[in-house]
Structures are given as C-alpha cells and as structure tokens.
Amino acid sequence: YLQKKDPEVLSDLIPAFLRTMGLAPALRTQLILDAWDKASGASAYTLSKYVKNGVLFCSISSSVLRNQLFFRKDAIVEEINKIVLNDPMMTGVKPGTKVLKSLILR
C-alpha cells in the first residue's frame, strides 16, 4: 500500500529526485556549459567545451578572442557560478558554493 503523506511542493521534490537518481552531476555539467555561452558571449567561436572535476575546458577558434577572455577569466567563472546557482534546478545547493572552480582556454 501507498501511504498518504503530507503534501510537498514539487519544486522541492524535483531536485531531490535528480539527486536520488544520480542525474544531478549531469544536469550541473549541462547548466555550466549553457552558462558559458551566456557569460562569455563567445559561443560562435567555441569549438568544443567540457567540464572535468569542476574545471571548464574551452577551445576557442580566435586567438584574439581567447586572449580577451583570458583577462576576464575570473569574472566569467563568477558569472557562470551565479547563473548556475540561480537556476531553479539547483535548489538545495548551499549558498556560496562554487560549482565551477576554474576555466582553461585553449
């Protein structure tokens, strides 16, 4: 039998479900990759990007743009963290948590 429980808000249940099913890391990675496009404005020049151990690796086709992004690296990482942590799917993550630690431009 299924027992009746107190009602819960769906916005609390979805993140818990994602964590239980082991989907949270993949979702976090996808949110970081999407946030790169917004924070950097270099999506048209990004050849490839991936996240490994909290570090975002991006291959940029333009050396001039890569150099400009290099000088904005810390600001871009902060912006990506802000975008990711403001996503509704990231509820339950402690405030001040750094989802993305560093950025490597190639």
N, C-alpha and C. Protein backbone atom coordinates (compact mmCIF):
# COMPACT_ATOMS: atom_id res chain seq x y z
N TYR A 1 0.82 -1.20 0.00
CA TYR A 1 0.00 0.00 0.00
C TYR A 1 0.86 1.25 0.00
N LEU A 2 0.36 2.23 -0.68
CA LEU A 2 1.00 3.54 -0.62
C LEU A 2 0.36 4.33 0.50
N GLN A 3 1.19 4.80 1.36
CA GLN A 3 0.68 5.57 2.48
C GLN A 3 0.58 7.04 2.10
N LYS A 4 -0.48 7.67 2.61
CA LYS A 4 -0.63 9.10 2.37
C LYS A 4 0.36 9.84 3.24
N LYS A 5 0.99 10.80 2.65
CA LYS A 5 1.93 11.65 3.37
C LYS A 5 1.50 13.09 3.24
N ASP A 6 2.14 13.92 3.98
CA ASP A 6 1.85 15.34 3.88
C ASP A 6 2.24 15.83 2.49
N PRO A 7 1.46 16.76 1.95
CA PRO A 7 1.80 17.27 0.61
C PRO A 7 3.13 18.01 0.63
N GLU A 8 3.85 17.88 -0.49
CA GLU A 8 5.13 18.56 -0.63
C GLU A 8 5.11 19.37 -1.92
N VAL A 9 5.90 20.40 -1.92
CA VAL A 9 5.99 21.28 -3.08
C VAL A 9 6.82 20.59 -4.15
N LEU A 10 6.34 20.63 -5.38
CA LEU A 10 7.02 19.96 -6.49
C LEU A 10 8.42 20.52 -6.72
N SER A 11 8.61 21.81 -6.49
CA SER A 11 9.94 22.41 -6.69
C SER A 11 10.96 21.87 -5.70
N ASP A 12 10.51 21.30 -4.59
CA ASP A 12 11.42 20.64 -3.64
C ASP A 12 11.66 19.18 -4.02
N LEU A 13 10.67 18.56 -4.63
CA LEU A 13 10.77 17.14 -4.96
C LEU A 13 11.66 16.87 -6.18
N ILE A 14 11.62 17.74 -7.17
CA ILE A 14 12.39 17.50 -8.40
C ILE A 14 13.90 17.46 -8.14
N PRO A 15 14.48 18.44 -7.43
CA PRO A 15 15.92 18.33 -7.14
C PRO A 15 16.27 17.09 -6.31
N ALA A 16 15.40 16.73 -5.37
CA ALA A 16 15.64 15.52 -4.58
C ALA A 16 15.60 14.28 -5.47
N PHE A 17 14.68 14.25 -6.41
CA PHE A 17 14.59 13.13 -7.35
C PHE A 17 15.85 13.04 -8.21
N LEU A 18 16.32 14.19 -8.70
CA LEU A 18 17.52 14.20 -9.54
C LEU A 18 18.73 13.69 -8.77
N ARG A 19 18.85 14.10 -7.50
CA ARG A 19 19.97 13.61 -6.68
C ARG A 19 19.84 12.11 -6.43
N THR A 20 18.65 11.65 -6.12
CA THR A 20 18.42 10.23 -5.84
C THR A 20 18.72 9.36 -7.05
N MET A 21 18.36 9.82 -8.22
CA MET A 21 18.56 9.04 -9.44
C MET A 21 19.97 9.21 -10.02
N GLY A 22 20.78 10.04 -9.40
CA GLY A 22 22.16 10.23 -9.87
C GLY A 22 22.27 11.12 -11.10
N LEU A 23 21.26 11.94 -11.33
CA LEU A 23 21.25 12.81 -12.52
C LEU A 23 21.77 14.21 -12.23
N ALA A 24 21.98 14.54 -10.98
CA ALA A 24 22.40 15.89 -10.61
C ALA A 24 23.75 16.29 -11.23
N PRO A 25 24.78 15.43 -11.23
CA PRO A 25 26.05 15.84 -11.84
C PRO A 25 25.93 16.15 -13.34
N ALA A 26 25.17 15.36 -14.06
CA ALA A 26 24.99 15.60 -15.49
C ALA A 26 24.22 16.90 -15.73
N LEU A 27 23.23 17.16 -14.90
CA LEU A 27 22.47 18.40 -15.02
C LEU A 27 23.36 19.59 -14.71
N ARG A 28 24.17 19.48 -13.67
CA ARG A 28 25.10 20.56 -13.30
C ARG A 28 26.07 20.85 -14.44
N THR A 29 26.59 19.80 -15.06
CA THR A 29 27.50 19.97 -16.19
C THR A 29 26.82 20.69 -17.34
N GLN A 30 25.61 20.30 -17.66
CA GLN A 30 24.88 20.94 -18.76
C GLN A 30 24.58 22.40 -18.45
N LEU A 31 24.25 22.70 -17.19
CA LEU A 31 24.00 24.08 -16.81
C LEU A 31 25.26 24.93 -16.94
N ILE A 32 26.42 24.36 -16.60
CA ILE A 32 27.69 25.09 -16.74
C ILE A 32 27.98 25.36 -18.20
N LEU A 33 27.78 24.36 -19.06
CA LEU A 33 28.05 24.54 -20.49
C LEU A 33 27.13 25.60 -21.09
N ASP A 34 25.87 25.60 -20.69
CA ASP A 34 24.93 26.61 -21.19
C ASP A 34 25.29 28.00 -20.65
N ALA A 35 25.73 28.06 -19.40
CA ALA A 35 26.09 29.34 -18.79
C ALA A 35 27.32 29.94 -19.45
N TRP A 36 28.21 29.09 -19.99
CA TRP A 36 29.40 29.60 -20.69
C TRP A 36 28.97 30.48 -21.86
N ASP A 37 27.98 30.03 -22.62
CA ASP A 37 27.51 30.79 -23.77
C ASP A 37 26.98 32.16 -23.35
N LYS A 38 26.26 32.20 -22.22
CA LYS A 38 25.69 33.46 -21.75
C LYS A 38 26.76 34.37 -21.15
N ALA A 39 27.63 33.82 -20.33
CA ALA A 39 28.61 34.63 -19.59
C ALA A 39 29.74 35.14 -20.47
N SER A 40 30.15 34.34 -21.44
CA SER A 40 31.31 34.73 -22.25
C SER A 40 30.93 35.48 -23.51
N GLY A 41 29.79 35.16 -24.09
CA GLY A 41 29.40 35.74 -25.36
C GLY A 41 30.21 35.20 -26.52
N ALA A 42 30.93 34.08 -26.28
CA ALA A 42 31.83 33.53 -27.30
C ALA A 42 31.32 32.21 -27.86
N SER A 43 30.05 31.99 -27.82
CA SER A 43 29.53 30.69 -28.29
C SER A 43 29.82 30.45 -29.77
N ALA A 44 29.82 31.50 -30.58
CA ALA A 44 30.08 31.34 -32.01
C ALA A 44 31.53 30.93 -32.29
N TYR A 45 32.43 31.25 -31.37
CA TYR A 45 33.85 30.94 -31.54
C TYR A 45 34.31 29.75 -30.71
N THR A 46 33.38 29.13 -29.99
CA THR A 46 33.73 27.98 -29.15
C THR A 46 33.65 26.71 -29.98
N LEU A 47 34.80 26.06 -30.16
CA LEU A 47 34.85 24.83 -30.95
C LEU A 47 34.40 23.63 -30.13
N SER A 48 34.87 23.54 -28.90
CA SER A 48 34.47 22.46 -28.02
C SER A 48 34.57 22.93 -26.58
N LYS A 49 33.80 22.28 -25.71
CA LYS A 49 33.82 22.61 -24.29
C LYS A 49 33.39 21.38 -23.51
N TYR A 50 34.03 21.20 -22.36
CA TYR A 50 33.64 20.12 -21.45
C TYR A 50 34.06 20.47 -20.04
N VAL A 51 33.44 19.80 -19.08
CA VAL A 51 33.72 20.04 -17.67
C VAL A 51 34.31 18.78 -17.08
N LYS A 52 35.40 18.95 -16.33
CA LYS A 52 36.02 17.82 -15.65
C LYS A 52 36.52 18.29 -14.28
N ASN A 53 36.04 17.65 -13.24
CA ASN A 53 36.45 17.98 -11.86
C ASN A 53 36.27 19.45 -11.52
N GLY A 54 35.18 20.05 -11.95
CA GLY A 54 34.89 21.44 -11.63
C GLY A 54 35.66 22.45 -12.45
N VAL A 55 36.32 22.00 -13.51
CA VAL A 55 37.08 22.90 -14.38
C VAL A 55 36.45 22.85 -15.77
N LEU A 56 36.19 24.01 -16.34
CA LEU A 56 35.62 24.12 -17.68
C LEU A 56 36.75 24.31 -18.68
N PHE A 57 36.83 23.42 -19.64
CA PHE A 57 37.83 23.49 -20.72
C PHE A 57 37.12 23.95 -21.99
N CYS A 58 37.61 25.03 -22.59
CA CYS A 58 37.00 25.56 -23.81
C CYS A 58 38.07 25.76 -24.89
N SER A 59 37.78 25.30 -26.08
CA SER A 59 38.64 25.55 -27.24
C SER A 59 38.02 26.69 -28.03
N ILE A 60 38.79 27.75 -28.21
CA ILE A 60 38.31 28.94 -28.90
C ILE A 60 39.02 29.06 -30.23
N SER A 61 38.27 29.34 -31.29
CA SER A 61 38.85 29.38 -32.63
C SER A 61 39.64 30.67 -32.91
N SER A 62 39.35 31.73 -32.20
CA SER A 62 40.01 33.01 -32.44
C SER A 62 41.03 33.29 -31.34
N SER A 63 42.29 33.46 -31.72
CA SER A 63 43.33 33.73 -30.72
C SER A 63 43.13 35.10 -30.07
N VAL A 64 42.62 36.05 -30.82
CA VAL A 64 42.37 37.39 -30.27
C VAL A 64 41.29 37.32 -29.19
N LEU A 65 40.20 36.63 -29.49
CA LEU A 65 39.11 36.48 -28.52
C LEU A 65 39.58 35.67 -27.31
N ARG A 66 40.35 34.63 -27.55
CA ARG A 66 40.87 33.80 -26.45
C ARG A 66 41.70 34.67 -25.50
N ASN A 67 42.51 35.57 -26.05
CA ASN A 67 43.31 36.46 -25.23
C ASN A 67 42.43 37.41 -24.42
N GLN A 68 41.39 37.95 -25.02
CA GLN A 68 40.46 38.83 -24.31
C GLN A 68 39.74 38.07 -23.19
N LEU A 69 39.31 36.84 -23.49
CA LEU A 69 38.63 36.03 -22.48
C LEU A 69 39.58 35.66 -21.34
N PHE A 70 40.85 35.46 -21.66
CA PHE A 70 41.83 35.10 -20.65
C PHE A 70 41.90 36.17 -19.56
N PHE A 71 41.85 37.44 -19.94
CA PHE A 71 41.93 38.52 -18.97
C PHE A 71 40.65 38.69 -18.17
N ARG A 72 39.55 38.10 -18.64
CA ARG A 72 38.26 38.15 -17.94
C ARG A 72 37.92 36.82 -17.27
N LYS A 73 38.87 35.91 -17.16
CA LYS A 73 38.63 34.56 -16.69
C LYS A 73 37.90 34.52 -15.33
N ASP A 74 38.41 35.24 -14.35
CA ASP A 74 37.81 35.20 -13.02
C ASP A 74 36.38 35.73 -13.02
N ALA A 75 36.14 36.80 -13.76
CA ALA A 75 34.80 37.37 -13.85
C ALA A 75 33.84 36.39 -14.55
N ILE A 76 34.33 35.69 -15.55
CA ILE A 76 33.49 34.72 -16.27
C ILE A 76 33.14 33.55 -15.35
N VAL A 77 34.11 33.07 -14.58
CA VAL A 77 33.85 31.97 -13.65
C VAL A 77 32.80 32.39 -12.61
N GLU A 78 32.93 33.60 -12.07
CA GLU A 78 31.94 34.11 -11.11
C GLU A 78 30.56 34.20 -11.74
N GLU A 79 30.50 34.71 -12.97
CA GLU A 79 29.22 34.85 -13.66
C GLU A 79 28.59 33.49 -13.92
N ILE A 80 29.38 32.52 -14.34
CA ILE A 80 28.86 31.16 -14.57
C ILE A 80 28.32 30.58 -13.28
N ASN A 81 29.06 30.72 -12.18
CA ASN A 81 28.58 30.22 -10.89
C ASN A 81 27.26 30.87 -10.50
N LYS A 82 27.16 32.19 -10.73
CA LYS A 82 25.93 32.89 -10.40
C LYS A 82 24.76 32.39 -11.24
N ILE A 83 24.98 32.22 -12.53
CA ILE A 83 23.92 31.73 -13.43
C ILE A 83 23.47 30.33 -13.02
N VAL A 84 24.43 29.45 -12.77
CA VAL A 84 24.10 28.07 -12.42
C VAL A 84 23.38 27.99 -11.09
N LEU A 85 23.86 28.71 -10.09
CA LEU A 85 23.24 28.65 -8.77
C LEU A 85 21.87 29.31 -8.72
N ASN A 86 21.58 30.22 -9.65
CA ASN A 86 20.26 30.85 -9.71
C ASN A 86 19.23 30.00 -10.46
N ASP A 87 19.68 28.91 -11.06
CA ASP A 87 18.75 28.03 -11.78
C ASP A 87 17.86 27.31 -10.77
N PRO A 88 16.55 27.21 -11.06
CA PRO A 88 15.63 26.56 -10.12
C PRO A 88 15.98 25.10 -9.83
N MET A 89 16.65 24.42 -10.75
CA MET A 89 17.01 23.02 -10.52
C MET A 89 18.15 22.87 -9.51
N MET A 90 18.81 23.95 -9.18
CA MET A 90 19.94 23.88 -8.26
C MET A 90 19.54 24.22 -6.83
N THR A 91 18.24 24.14 -6.53
CA THR A 91 17.83 24.37 -5.15
C THR A 91 18.41 23.26 -4.28
N GLY A 92 18.70 23.60 -3.06
CA GLY A 92 19.30 22.63 -2.16
C GLY A 92 20.81 22.70 -2.12
N VAL A 93 21.41 23.48 -3.01
CA VAL A 93 22.86 23.68 -3.00
C VAL A 93 23.13 24.83 -2.05
N LYS A 94 24.12 24.66 -1.21
CA LYS A 94 24.44 25.68 -0.20
C LYS A 94 24.85 26.98 -0.88
N PRO A 95 24.36 28.11 -0.38
CA PRO A 95 24.78 29.40 -0.93
C PRO A 95 26.29 29.59 -0.77
N GLY A 96 26.90 30.19 -1.76
CA GLY A 96 28.34 30.39 -1.72
C GLY A 96 29.14 29.23 -2.28
N THR A 97 28.45 28.16 -2.67
CA THR A 97 29.11 27.00 -3.24
C THR A 97 29.66 27.37 -4.62
N LYS A 98 30.86 26.93 -4.90
CA LYS A 98 31.43 27.15 -6.23
C LYS A 98 31.22 25.89 -7.05
N VAL A 99 30.32 25.97 -8.01
CA VAL A 99 30.07 24.85 -8.90
C VAL A 99 31.21 24.71 -9.89
N LEU A 100 31.69 25.84 -10.37
CA LEU A 100 32.81 25.88 -11.30
C LEU A 100 34.00 26.51 -10.59
N LYS A 101 35.12 25.79 -10.58
CA LYS A 101 36.30 26.26 -9.86
C LYS A 101 37.23 27.08 -10.74
N SER A 102 37.38 26.67 -11.99
CA SER A 102 38.36 27.31 -12.86
C SER A 102 37.95 27.19 -14.31
N LEU A 103 38.65 27.92 -15.16
CA LEU A 103 38.40 27.94 -16.59
C LEU A 103 39.72 27.83 -17.32
N ILE A 104 39.80 26.89 -18.26
CA ILE A 104 41.00 26.71 -19.08
C ILE A 104 40.61 27.02 -20.52
N LEU A 105 41.32 27.97 -21.13
CA LEU A 105 41.06 28.35 -22.52
C LEU A 105 42.15 27.80 -23.40
N ARG A 106 41.75 27.19 -24.49
CA ARG A 106 42.70 26.61 -25.45
C ARG A 106 42.49 27.20 -26.81
